[in-house]
Every structure is written in C-alpha cells, then in structure tokens.
Amino acid sequence: MPKADLEFLRDMTRDVIESLACPAGIERWGPLPITNTCGFTLVTPGKDSYTAYWPRDFSMSLDSGFITPEELRSHLLLTCQARTTTPT
C-alpha cells in the first residue's frame, strides 16, 4: 500500500476514535442526554447518535493502536463492575 494511503487511513482512524471519546463529566446528546460519570474518557460506538458503552464495540477499536493501555484498563474494570453487580 502506498505510504500516502496508509497515512490517510491512520489519520482517519485516529479522528474516528477521537470523535467517539467522551471525557469524564461531559454531557452528550443522543436518544437521551447523558453525562459521563465513569471517571475516565469513555469510548462509545456512535458519538452523539449512540452514547452507550458496549464491550464488543469497544474491543473492535483496540487494534487501531489509538487506545492506550490505561484506557483499556479503565474500560475492562467498568465491564467487570457491571458484570459482577447482583440485582437486589
């Protein structure tokens, strides 16, 4: 693949990941307004159109190279917390 094409794809991927990131405390509008109260930047699958966190969708972003180890750790801990919560 030509270097210019690879750079274009890398830049586009970076821009998409950045657009999906919702920093802690930031309110976003989608089907319902929400505020990120997770305490870290949450990567969601649909920017303003779909603001929920889905582990499957997040996992597809990992190969991009634009998710840091700390971001991965935060998302994994959130997933574990949600999965181990027992309804009362």
Protein backbone atom coordinates (compact mmCIF):
# COMPACT_ATOMS: atom_id res chain seq x y z
CA MET A 1 0.00 0.00 0.00
CA PRO A 2 1.38 3.44 -0.84
CA LYS A 3 2.62 5.42 2.16
CA ALA A 4 0.17 8.27 1.48
CA ASP A 5 -2.77 5.84 1.54
CA LEU A 6 -1.59 4.31 4.81
CA GLU A 7 -1.20 7.76 6.37
CA PHE A 8 -4.69 8.73 5.20
CA LEU A 9 -6.22 5.61 6.77
CA ARG A 10 -4.28 6.09 10.00
CA ASP A 11 -5.38 9.73 10.28
CA MET A 12 -8.98 8.81 9.57
CA THR A 13 -8.89 6.05 12.21
CA ARG A 14 -7.40 8.44 14.78
CA ASP A 15 -10.10 11.02 14.02
CA VAL A 16 -12.89 8.44 14.38
CA ILE A 17 -11.56 7.18 17.73
CA GLU A 18 -11.22 10.77 18.97
CA SER A 19 -14.77 11.58 17.90
CA LEU A 20 -16.11 8.59 19.86
CA ALA A 21 -14.33 9.55 23.08
CA CYS A 22 -16.50 11.16 25.74
CA PRO A 23 -14.38 12.69 28.52
CA ALA A 24 -15.46 12.29 32.15
CA GLY A 25 -18.05 14.85 33.21
CA ILE A 26 -19.03 15.75 29.65
CA GLU A 27 -22.70 15.72 28.66
CA ARG A 28 -23.60 14.21 25.31
CA TRP A 29 -26.82 14.13 23.42
CA GLY A 30 -28.10 11.04 21.68
CA PRO A 31 -31.51 9.47 22.00
CA LEU A 32 -31.29 10.65 25.65
CA PRO A 33 -28.92 13.20 27.18
CA ILE A 34 -26.26 11.59 29.39
CA THR A 35 -23.26 12.76 31.39
CA ASN A 36 -20.18 10.55 31.58
CA THR A 37 -19.83 9.80 35.30
CA CYS A 38 -17.36 6.90 34.86
CA GLY A 39 -14.36 8.95 35.94
CA PHE A 40 -12.45 8.37 32.70
CA THR A 41 -12.84 9.02 28.98
CA LEU A 42 -15.41 6.56 27.69
CA VAL A 43 -15.18 5.31 24.10
CA THR A 44 -18.69 4.81 22.72
CA PRO A 45 -19.74 3.31 19.38
CA GLY A 46 -21.67 6.21 17.95
CA LYS A 47 -20.61 9.65 19.12
CA ASP A 48 -23.79 11.71 19.58
CA SER A 49 -26.08 9.22 17.90
CA TYR A 50 -25.35 6.26 20.19
CA THR A 51 -23.75 7.10 23.52
CA ALA A 52 -23.90 3.76 25.36
CA TYR A 53 -20.81 1.70 26.18
CA TRP A 54 -20.70 -1.78 24.66
CA PRO A 55 -17.68 -4.01 25.38
CA ARG A 56 -17.92 -5.68 21.96
CA ASP A 57 -17.84 -2.37 20.10
CA PHE A 58 -15.01 -1.08 22.28
CA SER A 59 -12.99 -4.25 21.68
CA MET A 60 -13.14 -3.65 17.93
CA SER A 61 -11.30 -0.35 18.44
CA LEU A 62 -8.33 -1.97 20.20
CA ASP A 63 -6.46 -2.99 17.05
CA SER A 64 -6.44 0.64 15.91
CA GLY A 65 -3.44 1.46 18.06
CA PHE A 66 -5.17 4.58 19.36
CA ILE A 67 -6.43 3.09 22.64
CA THR A 68 -3.86 3.42 25.43
CA PRO A 69 -3.25 0.65 27.97
CA GLU A 70 -4.75 2.87 30.69
CA GLU A 71 -7.92 3.41 28.62
CA LEU A 72 -8.16 -0.34 28.07
CA ARG A 73 -7.75 -0.98 31.79
CA SER A 74 -10.47 1.54 32.69
CA HIS A 75 -12.93 0.02 30.24
CA LEU A 76 -12.16 -3.53 31.43
CA LEU A 77 -12.71 -2.53 35.06
CA LEU A 78 -16.03 -0.89 34.13
CA THR A 79 -17.09 -4.08 32.33
CA CYS A 80 -16.13 -6.22 35.32
CA GLN A 81 -18.05 -3.97 37.70
CA ALA A 82 -21.16 -4.12 35.55
CA ARG A 83 -20.91 -7.89 35.12
CA THR A 84 -20.48 -8.63 38.83
CA THR A 85 -23.26 -6.41 40.14
CA THR A 86 -26.02 -8.56 41.58
CA PRO A 87 -29.55 -7.18 41.29
CA THR A 88 -31.39 -6.80 44.59
